N, C-alpha and C. Protein backbone atom coordinates (compact mmCIF):
# COMPACT_ATOMS: atom_id res chain seq x y z
N MET A 1 21.35 15.53 82.55
CA MET A 1 19.88 15.82 82.28
C MET A 1 19.97 16.92 81.08
N ILE A 2 19.06 16.75 80.06
CA ILE A 2 19.11 17.71 78.85
C ILE A 2 18.06 18.69 79.25
N SER A 3 18.27 19.98 79.04
CA SER A 3 17.47 20.80 79.29
C SER A 3 16.43 21.01 78.22
N THR A 4 15.30 21.78 78.44
CA THR A 4 14.29 21.77 77.29
C THR A 4 14.83 22.58 76.19
N LEU A 5 15.80 23.58 76.39
CA LEU A 5 16.30 24.38 75.30
C LEU A 5 17.31 23.43 74.49
N GLU A 6 18.01 22.51 75.03
CA GLU A 6 18.82 21.58 74.15
C GLU A 6 17.87 20.55 73.55
N ARG A 7 16.80 20.26 74.27
CA ARG A 7 16.07 19.14 73.59
C ARG A 7 15.38 19.84 72.37
N ASP A 8 14.98 21.04 72.52
CA ASP A 8 14.28 21.67 71.24
C ASP A 8 15.32 21.89 70.25
N ALA A 9 16.59 22.16 70.44
CA ALA A 9 17.47 22.60 69.62
C ALA A 9 17.83 21.27 68.72
N ASN A 10 17.85 20.14 69.34
CA ASN A 10 18.29 18.89 68.78
C ASN A 10 17.08 18.28 67.96
N MET A 11 15.71 18.57 68.44
CA MET A 11 14.48 18.41 67.51
C MET A 11 14.61 19.14 66.26
N THR A 12 14.95 20.40 66.36
CA THR A 12 15.02 21.30 65.23
C THR A 12 16.13 20.84 64.19
N VAL A 13 17.28 20.34 64.74
CA VAL A 13 18.43 19.80 63.96
C VAL A 13 17.87 18.57 63.19
N TRP A 14 17.23 17.59 63.80
CA TRP A 14 16.62 16.43 63.31
C TRP A 14 15.67 16.92 62.28
N ALA A 15 14.76 17.81 62.47
CA ALA A 15 13.57 18.22 61.63
C ALA A 15 14.22 18.76 60.27
N CYS A 16 15.24 19.44 60.61
CA CYS A 16 15.99 20.11 59.26
C CYS A 16 16.52 19.16 58.46
N ALA A 17 17.21 18.03 59.06
CA ALA A 17 17.89 17.06 58.45
C ALA A 17 16.88 16.30 57.58
N LEU A 18 15.67 15.94 58.33
CA LEU A 18 14.74 15.21 57.41
C LEU A 18 14.23 16.16 56.33
N LEU A 19 13.94 17.35 56.49
CA LEU A 19 13.54 18.22 55.37
C LEU A 19 14.52 18.38 54.35
N VAL A 20 15.75 18.49 54.65
CA VAL A 20 16.89 18.60 53.76
C VAL A 20 17.12 17.23 52.76
N ALA A 21 16.81 16.01 53.64
CA ALA A 21 16.85 14.89 52.72
C ALA A 21 15.69 14.75 51.83
N GLY A 22 14.58 15.43 52.16
CA GLY A 22 13.43 15.42 51.23
C GLY A 22 13.50 16.62 50.35
N SER A 23 14.54 17.14 50.13
CA SER A 23 14.88 18.42 49.11
C SER A 23 14.10 19.55 49.58
N VAL A 24 13.94 19.79 50.84
CA VAL A 24 13.03 21.01 51.20
C VAL A 24 14.17 21.73 52.07
N ALA A 25 14.37 23.13 51.74
CA ALA A 25 15.37 24.03 52.55
C ALA A 25 14.72 24.28 53.80
N CYS A 26 15.72 24.20 54.75
CA CYS A 26 15.28 24.42 56.15
C CYS A 26 15.86 25.99 56.67
N GLY A 27 15.08 26.86 56.92
CA GLY A 27 15.37 28.01 57.51
C GLY A 27 15.76 29.07 56.12
N ALA A 28 15.29 28.51 55.03
CA ALA A 28 15.64 29.45 53.89
C ALA A 28 14.20 29.95 53.26
N ASP A 29 14.28 30.94 52.65
CA ASP A 29 13.02 31.65 52.05
C ASP A 29 12.50 30.85 50.88
N ALA A 30 13.24 30.07 50.05
CA ALA A 30 12.65 29.40 48.92
C ALA A 30 13.51 27.98 48.73
N PRO A 31 12.86 27.07 48.24
CA PRO A 31 13.52 25.83 48.04
C PRO A 31 14.67 26.00 47.02
N PRO A 32 15.51 25.16 47.17
CA PRO A 32 16.72 25.25 46.21
C PRO A 32 16.21 24.88 44.72
N PRO A 33 16.88 25.44 43.82
CA PRO A 33 16.46 25.32 42.33
C PRO A 33 16.68 23.84 41.88
N PRO A 34 15.77 23.24 41.09
CA PRO A 34 15.88 21.91 40.75
C PRO A 34 17.22 21.80 39.94
N ARG A 35 17.59 20.36 40.01
CA ARG A 35 18.95 20.07 39.39
C ARG A 35 18.65 20.03 37.90
N PRO A 36 19.53 20.39 36.95
CA PRO A 36 19.21 20.29 35.61
C PRO A 36 19.41 18.82 35.30
N PRO A 37 18.57 18.41 34.30
CA PRO A 37 18.72 17.02 33.79
C PRO A 37 20.03 16.68 33.18
N PRO A 38 20.50 15.59 33.34
CA PRO A 38 21.88 15.23 32.82
C PRO A 38 21.83 15.32 31.29
N THR A 39 23.07 15.83 30.79
CA THR A 39 23.11 16.12 29.51
C THR A 39 23.37 14.65 28.70
N PRO A 40 22.64 14.61 27.79
CA PRO A 40 22.77 13.13 27.02
C PRO A 40 24.13 13.29 26.32
N VAL A 41 24.80 12.05 26.38
CA VAL A 41 26.12 12.02 25.57
C VAL A 41 25.98 11.34 24.44
N PRO A 42 26.10 12.13 23.32
CA PRO A 42 25.90 11.41 21.89
C PRO A 42 26.66 10.30 21.60
N THR A 43 26.03 9.32 21.19
CA THR A 43 26.80 8.22 20.83
C THR A 43 26.97 8.03 19.14
N PRO A 44 28.01 7.86 18.71
CA PRO A 44 28.12 7.74 17.24
C PRO A 44 27.35 6.56 16.67
N ALA A 45 26.54 6.67 15.64
CA ALA A 45 25.95 5.63 14.92
C ALA A 45 26.82 4.71 14.37
N ALA A 46 26.49 3.37 14.53
CA ALA A 46 27.44 2.37 13.76
C ALA A 46 27.18 2.52 12.29
N PRO A 47 28.13 2.40 11.60
CA PRO A 47 27.92 2.48 10.17
C PRO A 47 27.14 1.12 9.77
N GLN A 48 26.13 1.46 8.88
CA GLN A 48 25.27 0.36 8.50
C GLN A 48 25.30 0.35 6.95
N GLU A 49 25.09 -0.78 6.53
CA GLU A 49 25.07 -1.16 5.11
C GLU A 49 23.54 -1.01 4.72
N PRO A 50 23.29 -0.32 3.62
CA PRO A 50 21.80 -0.04 3.38
C PRO A 50 21.17 -1.38 3.37
N ALA A 51 19.82 -1.36 3.95
CA ALA A 51 19.08 -2.46 3.99
C ALA A 51 18.59 -2.95 2.47
N ASP A 52 18.51 -2.05 1.60
CA ASP A 52 18.21 -2.55 0.16
C ASP A 52 18.44 -1.12 -0.62
N GLY A 53 18.71 -1.41 -1.88
CA GLY A 53 19.00 -0.26 -2.93
C GLY A 53 17.69 0.19 -3.25
N PRO A 54 17.72 1.12 -4.17
CA PRO A 54 16.50 1.84 -4.84
C PRO A 54 15.69 0.55 -5.57
N GLY A 55 14.50 0.80 -5.56
CA GLY A 55 13.62 -0.23 -6.29
C GLY A 55 13.74 0.10 -7.81
N HIS A 56 13.64 -1.10 -8.49
CA HIS A 56 13.73 -0.93 -9.97
C HIS A 56 12.50 -1.74 -10.44
N SER A 57 11.72 -1.32 -11.49
CA SER A 57 10.59 -1.94 -12.09
C SER A 57 10.59 -1.50 -13.64
N THR A 58 10.30 -2.70 -14.30
CA THR A 58 10.18 -2.28 -15.78
C THR A 58 8.78 -2.01 -16.27
N GLY A 59 7.81 -1.99 -15.37
CA GLY A 59 6.50 -1.80 -15.69
C GLY A 59 5.81 -1.19 -14.38
N THR A 60 4.58 -1.79 -14.10
CA THR A 60 3.94 -1.23 -12.79
C THR A 60 4.65 -1.82 -11.61
N SER A 61 4.94 -0.91 -10.66
CA SER A 61 5.83 -1.43 -9.49
C SER A 61 4.79 -1.89 -8.45
N TYR A 62 5.33 -2.49 -7.53
CA TYR A 62 4.75 -3.40 -6.42
C TYR A 62 3.80 -2.22 -5.67
N ASP A 63 4.27 -1.15 -5.31
CA ASP A 63 3.49 -0.13 -4.70
C ASP A 63 2.40 0.46 -5.46
N ASP A 64 2.68 0.67 -6.64
CA ASP A 64 1.62 1.27 -7.47
C ASP A 64 0.58 0.17 -7.83
N ALA A 65 0.98 -1.06 -7.87
CA ALA A 65 -0.15 -2.15 -8.04
C ALA A 65 -1.07 -2.22 -6.78
N LEU A 66 -0.50 -2.14 -5.69
CA LEU A 66 -1.27 -2.22 -4.33
C LEU A 66 -2.14 -0.87 -4.12
N SER A 67 -1.75 0.06 -4.89
CA SER A 67 -2.37 1.41 -4.45
C SER A 67 -3.74 1.51 -5.16
N VAL A 68 -3.93 0.72 -6.16
CA VAL A 68 -5.21 0.54 -6.79
C VAL A 68 -6.21 -0.17 -5.84
N PRO A 69 -7.30 0.52 -5.48
CA PRO A 69 -8.33 -0.03 -4.57
C PRO A 69 -8.85 -1.39 -5.39
N GLU A 70 -8.95 -2.35 -4.59
CA GLU A 70 -9.62 -3.90 -5.01
C GLU A 70 -10.97 -3.67 -4.73
N ASP A 71 -11.92 -3.94 -5.64
CA ASP A 71 -13.39 -4.20 -5.42
C ASP A 71 -13.60 -5.43 -4.74
N MET A 72 -13.78 -5.39 -3.43
CA MET A 72 -13.86 -6.67 -2.68
C MET A 72 -15.17 -7.47 -2.77
N ALA A 73 -16.20 -6.65 -3.22
CA ALA A 73 -17.48 -7.28 -3.63
C ALA A 73 -17.17 -8.23 -4.82
N SER A 74 -16.54 -7.89 -5.85
CA SER A 74 -16.31 -8.64 -7.09
C SER A 74 -15.51 -9.83 -6.89
N VAL A 75 -14.49 -9.71 -5.83
CA VAL A 75 -13.69 -10.85 -5.54
C VAL A 75 -14.00 -11.76 -4.49
N ALA A 76 -15.24 -11.39 -3.81
CA ALA A 76 -15.66 -12.18 -2.63
C ALA A 76 -15.69 -13.66 -2.54
N GLY A 77 -16.01 -14.13 -3.78
CA GLY A 77 -15.99 -15.70 -3.86
C GLY A 77 -14.66 -16.26 -4.32
N GLU A 78 -13.65 -15.44 -4.70
CA GLU A 78 -12.46 -15.86 -5.13
C GLU A 78 -11.59 -16.36 -3.92
N ARG A 79 -10.85 -17.27 -4.13
CA ARG A 79 -9.94 -17.79 -3.07
C ARG A 79 -8.53 -17.03 -2.97
N GLU A 80 -7.92 -16.86 -2.00
CA GLU A 80 -6.55 -16.29 -1.87
C GLU A 80 -5.61 -17.45 -2.02
N LEU A 81 -4.55 -17.07 -2.72
CA LEU A 81 -3.44 -18.01 -2.88
C LEU A 81 -2.83 -18.38 -1.67
N THR A 82 -2.43 -19.61 -1.38
CA THR A 82 -1.69 -19.94 -0.09
C THR A 82 -0.42 -19.46 -0.12
N ASN A 83 0.57 -19.46 0.90
CA ASN A 83 1.86 -19.08 0.85
C ASN A 83 2.65 -20.02 0.03
N ALA A 84 2.39 -21.25 0.09
CA ALA A 84 3.07 -22.19 -0.92
C ALA A 84 2.93 -22.03 -2.28
N GLU A 85 1.45 -21.65 -2.75
CA GLU A 85 1.29 -21.30 -3.97
C GLU A 85 2.04 -19.97 -4.47
N LEU A 86 1.94 -18.93 -3.55
CA LEU A 86 2.63 -17.76 -3.82
C LEU A 86 4.10 -18.00 -4.16
N ALA A 87 4.78 -18.88 -3.42
CA ALA A 87 6.30 -19.04 -3.37
C ALA A 87 6.69 -19.99 -4.44
N GLN A 88 5.83 -20.82 -4.88
CA GLN A 88 6.21 -22.01 -5.74
C GLN A 88 6.89 -21.40 -7.05
N PRO A 89 6.41 -20.52 -7.77
CA PRO A 89 7.11 -20.06 -9.01
C PRO A 89 8.48 -19.47 -8.78
N MET A 90 8.90 -19.03 -7.55
CA MET A 90 10.07 -18.33 -7.09
C MET A 90 10.92 -19.42 -6.62
N ARG A 91 10.68 -20.68 -6.35
CA ARG A 91 11.50 -21.72 -5.85
C ARG A 91 12.60 -21.91 -6.48
N SER A 92 12.60 -21.96 -7.86
CA SER A 92 13.73 -22.27 -8.62
C SER A 92 14.03 -20.94 -9.42
N PRO A 93 14.80 -20.21 -8.74
CA PRO A 93 15.23 -18.82 -9.24
C PRO A 93 16.35 -18.92 -10.40
N ALA A 94 15.98 -19.59 -11.44
CA ALA A 94 16.70 -19.44 -12.61
C ALA A 94 16.97 -18.14 -13.13
N PHE A 95 15.91 -17.28 -12.97
CA PHE A 95 15.99 -16.05 -13.54
C PHE A 95 17.21 -15.26 -13.03
N LEU A 96 17.57 -15.50 -11.74
CA LEU A 96 18.53 -14.79 -11.00
C LEU A 96 20.10 -15.21 -11.81
N SER A 97 20.22 -16.24 -12.06
CA SER A 97 21.43 -16.81 -12.75
C SER A 97 21.47 -16.35 -14.21
N ALA A 98 20.16 -16.33 -14.76
CA ALA A 98 20.05 -15.95 -16.37
C ALA A 98 20.52 -14.56 -16.29
N CYS A 99 20.23 -13.66 -15.33
CA CYS A 99 20.58 -12.23 -15.34
C CYS A 99 21.91 -11.99 -14.79
N GLY A 100 22.84 -12.92 -14.68
CA GLY A 100 24.10 -12.72 -14.16
C GLY A 100 24.18 -12.08 -12.78
N THR A 101 23.35 -12.46 -11.87
CA THR A 101 23.26 -11.92 -10.58
C THR A 101 24.41 -12.63 -9.74
N PRO A 102 25.38 -11.63 -9.25
CA PRO A 102 26.54 -12.36 -8.46
C PRO A 102 25.91 -13.02 -7.22
N ASP A 103 26.88 -14.03 -6.92
CA ASP A 103 26.27 -14.81 -5.54
C ASP A 103 26.42 -14.01 -4.44
N THR A 104 27.18 -12.98 -4.26
CA THR A 104 27.28 -12.04 -3.20
C THR A 104 26.12 -10.79 -3.16
N MET A 105 25.39 -10.85 -4.28
CA MET A 105 24.38 -9.71 -4.26
C MET A 105 23.17 -10.19 -3.47
N LYS A 106 22.66 -9.15 -2.75
CA LYS A 106 21.34 -9.51 -1.97
C LYS A 106 20.30 -9.01 -2.82
N VAL A 107 19.25 -9.75 -3.05
CA VAL A 107 18.05 -9.55 -4.04
C VAL A 107 16.79 -9.53 -3.29
N THR A 108 15.93 -8.59 -3.18
CA THR A 108 14.56 -8.47 -2.51
C THR A 108 13.45 -8.21 -3.72
N ILE A 109 12.62 -9.10 -3.86
CA ILE A 109 11.69 -9.10 -4.90
C ILE A 109 10.28 -9.06 -4.36
N ARG A 110 9.54 -7.93 -4.54
CA ARG A 110 8.06 -7.71 -4.18
C ARG A 110 7.26 -7.66 -5.38
N VAL A 111 6.20 -8.61 -5.24
CA VAL A 111 5.49 -8.96 -6.37
C VAL A 111 3.87 -8.93 -6.16
N VAL A 112 2.93 -8.34 -6.98
CA VAL A 112 1.65 -8.46 -6.71
C VAL A 112 1.08 -9.26 -7.95
N ILE A 113 0.17 -10.07 -7.55
CA ILE A 113 -0.26 -11.22 -8.50
C ILE A 113 -1.70 -11.16 -8.71
N ARG A 114 -2.24 -11.25 -9.81
CA ARG A 114 -3.77 -11.36 -10.10
C ARG A 114 -3.87 -12.02 -11.46
N ASP A 115 -4.99 -12.97 -11.60
CA ASP A 115 -5.18 -13.78 -12.76
C ASP A 115 -3.90 -14.72 -13.18
N GLY A 116 -3.17 -15.07 -12.17
CA GLY A 116 -2.09 -15.90 -12.47
C GLY A 116 -0.78 -15.29 -12.98
N ALA A 117 -0.72 -13.86 -12.86
CA ALA A 117 0.55 -13.13 -13.39
C ALA A 117 0.83 -12.09 -12.56
N ALA A 118 2.14 -11.66 -12.61
CA ALA A 118 2.56 -10.62 -11.91
C ALA A 118 1.96 -9.26 -12.41
N ILE A 119 1.33 -8.36 -11.81
CA ILE A 119 0.85 -7.17 -12.22
C ILE A 119 1.54 -6.04 -11.72
N GLY A 120 2.41 -6.22 -10.75
CA GLY A 120 3.28 -5.13 -10.14
C GLY A 120 4.63 -5.90 -9.52
N VAL A 121 5.85 -5.46 -9.82
CA VAL A 121 7.06 -5.99 -9.43
C VAL A 121 8.00 -4.74 -9.01
N THR A 122 8.57 -4.88 -7.98
CA THR A 122 9.83 -4.04 -7.69
C THR A 122 10.95 -5.01 -7.18
N VAL A 123 12.11 -4.76 -7.65
CA VAL A 123 13.30 -5.46 -7.35
C VAL A 123 14.36 -4.64 -6.81
N ARG A 124 14.87 -5.00 -5.76
CA ARG A 124 16.11 -4.11 -5.03
C ARG A 124 17.23 -5.11 -4.97
N THR A 125 18.40 -4.43 -5.22
CA THR A 125 19.66 -5.33 -5.10
C THR A 125 20.64 -4.43 -4.28
N VAL A 126 21.36 -5.22 -3.58
CA VAL A 126 22.54 -4.61 -2.77
C VAL A 126 23.85 -5.48 -2.97
N PRO A 127 24.74 -4.92 -3.73
CA PRO A 127 24.75 -3.39 -4.16
C PRO A 127 23.77 -3.13 -5.26
N ASP A 128 23.36 -1.88 -5.35
CA ASP A 128 22.38 -1.48 -6.50
C ASP A 128 22.95 -1.72 -7.83
N ASP A 129 22.28 -2.44 -8.63
CA ASP A 129 22.61 -2.54 -9.98
C ASP A 129 21.13 -2.76 -10.95
N ALA A 130 20.91 -1.50 -11.54
CA ALA A 130 19.69 -1.50 -12.11
C ALA A 130 19.64 -2.50 -13.30
N THR A 131 20.63 -2.65 -13.92
CA THR A 131 20.69 -3.69 -15.09
C THR A 131 20.10 -5.18 -14.64
N VAL A 132 20.69 -5.58 -13.61
CA VAL A 132 20.35 -6.89 -13.06
C VAL A 132 18.99 -6.71 -12.50
N ALA A 133 18.75 -5.74 -11.68
CA ALA A 133 17.38 -5.59 -11.23
C ALA A 133 16.21 -5.69 -12.12
N GLU A 134 16.33 -4.97 -13.26
CA GLU A 134 15.33 -4.92 -14.30
C GLU A 134 15.38 -6.17 -15.06
N CYS A 135 16.40 -6.89 -15.15
CA CYS A 135 16.45 -8.25 -15.90
C CYS A 135 15.66 -9.40 -14.93
N ILE A 136 15.73 -9.20 -13.63
CA ILE A 136 15.19 -10.13 -12.72
C ILE A 136 13.82 -9.61 -12.62
N ASP A 137 13.30 -8.35 -12.82
CA ASP A 137 11.92 -7.98 -12.91
C ASP A 137 11.33 -8.73 -14.01
N LYS A 138 12.01 -8.61 -15.20
CA LYS A 138 11.20 -9.32 -16.37
C LYS A 138 11.20 -10.70 -16.31
N GLY A 139 12.06 -11.31 -15.69
CA GLY A 139 12.04 -12.91 -15.26
C GLY A 139 10.83 -13.07 -14.48
N VAL A 140 10.73 -12.36 -13.32
CA VAL A 140 9.41 -12.43 -12.40
C VAL A 140 8.11 -12.22 -13.30
N ARG A 141 8.02 -11.31 -14.08
CA ARG A 141 6.86 -11.08 -14.86
C ARG A 141 6.52 -12.22 -15.86
N GLY A 142 7.40 -13.06 -16.19
CA GLY A 142 7.29 -14.13 -17.01
C GLY A 142 6.70 -15.45 -16.22
N LEU A 143 6.63 -15.33 -14.96
CA LEU A 143 6.29 -16.53 -14.05
C LEU A 143 4.80 -16.63 -14.03
N ALA A 144 4.43 -17.90 -13.77
CA ALA A 144 2.99 -18.09 -13.66
C ALA A 144 2.55 -18.66 -12.33
N TRP A 145 1.33 -18.11 -11.70
CA TRP A 145 0.79 -18.46 -10.52
C TRP A 145 -0.63 -19.05 -10.89
N PRO A 146 -1.12 -19.77 -9.84
CA PRO A 146 -2.52 -20.39 -10.02
C PRO A 146 -3.55 -19.17 -10.24
N PRO A 147 -4.48 -19.29 -11.21
CA PRO A 147 -5.36 -18.04 -11.39
C PRO A 147 -6.31 -17.90 -10.33
N THR A 148 -6.60 -16.51 -10.03
CA THR A 148 -7.62 -16.07 -9.17
C THR A 148 -7.77 -14.60 -9.33
N LYS A 149 -9.04 -14.13 -9.25
CA LYS A 149 -9.32 -12.76 -9.65
C LYS A 149 -9.02 -11.85 -8.37
N ARG A 150 -8.61 -12.43 -7.12
CA ARG A 150 -8.14 -11.83 -6.06
C ARG A 150 -6.80 -11.41 -6.10
N ARG A 151 -6.39 -10.24 -5.74
CA ARG A 151 -5.02 -9.62 -5.80
C ARG A 151 -4.28 -10.23 -4.50
N ASP A 152 -3.14 -10.80 -4.68
CA ASP A 152 -2.32 -11.31 -3.70
C ASP A 152 -0.94 -10.70 -3.86
N SER A 153 -0.17 -10.75 -2.93
CA SER A 153 1.20 -10.05 -3.03
C SER A 153 2.18 -11.02 -2.15
N MET A 154 3.45 -10.72 -2.39
CA MET A 154 4.55 -11.56 -1.52
C MET A 154 5.71 -10.73 -1.79
N THR A 155 6.67 -10.91 -0.68
CA THR A 155 8.06 -10.45 -0.67
C THR A 155 8.94 -11.60 -0.57
N THR A 156 10.12 -11.78 -1.25
CA THR A 156 10.94 -12.66 -1.17
C THR A 156 12.33 -12.22 -1.22
N ALA A 157 13.45 -12.84 -0.45
CA ALA A 157 14.71 -12.37 -0.65
C ALA A 157 15.69 -13.47 -0.87
N PHE A 158 16.74 -13.16 -1.73
CA PHE A 158 17.75 -14.13 -2.06
C PHE A 158 19.09 -13.64 -1.75
């Protein structure tokens, strides 16, 4: 038979065990200090090839052309060019080979169009080659799109 004293002692042990499991100290004046957060282990960044080189433009750049506010009231009746209409002049990129663009070069062309012509162009190449990029820019500026007073833009990559 268990005495009252033994029963009370067992209950105290169980109570302390439950409290300790809940991170509360039993019989101490203050709870234990919180554990410090784990120190993050730095992982080395994988070497990355630049997504694109610096942009080149022989006139108004893509970003500059888009930064000019468009008077939406004056173009309200004008239609937007479809994706197919925007892409059509760029489908036969003869201007790439005319500029001596190597097959291994990545080319990104961003163009803003209004009234059937490019009003802003930025060309990026990887590896960066300003001569080739500027030649491509001039080629794009010579292309024609369907005329509309609305400003349209597109980005394409080769």
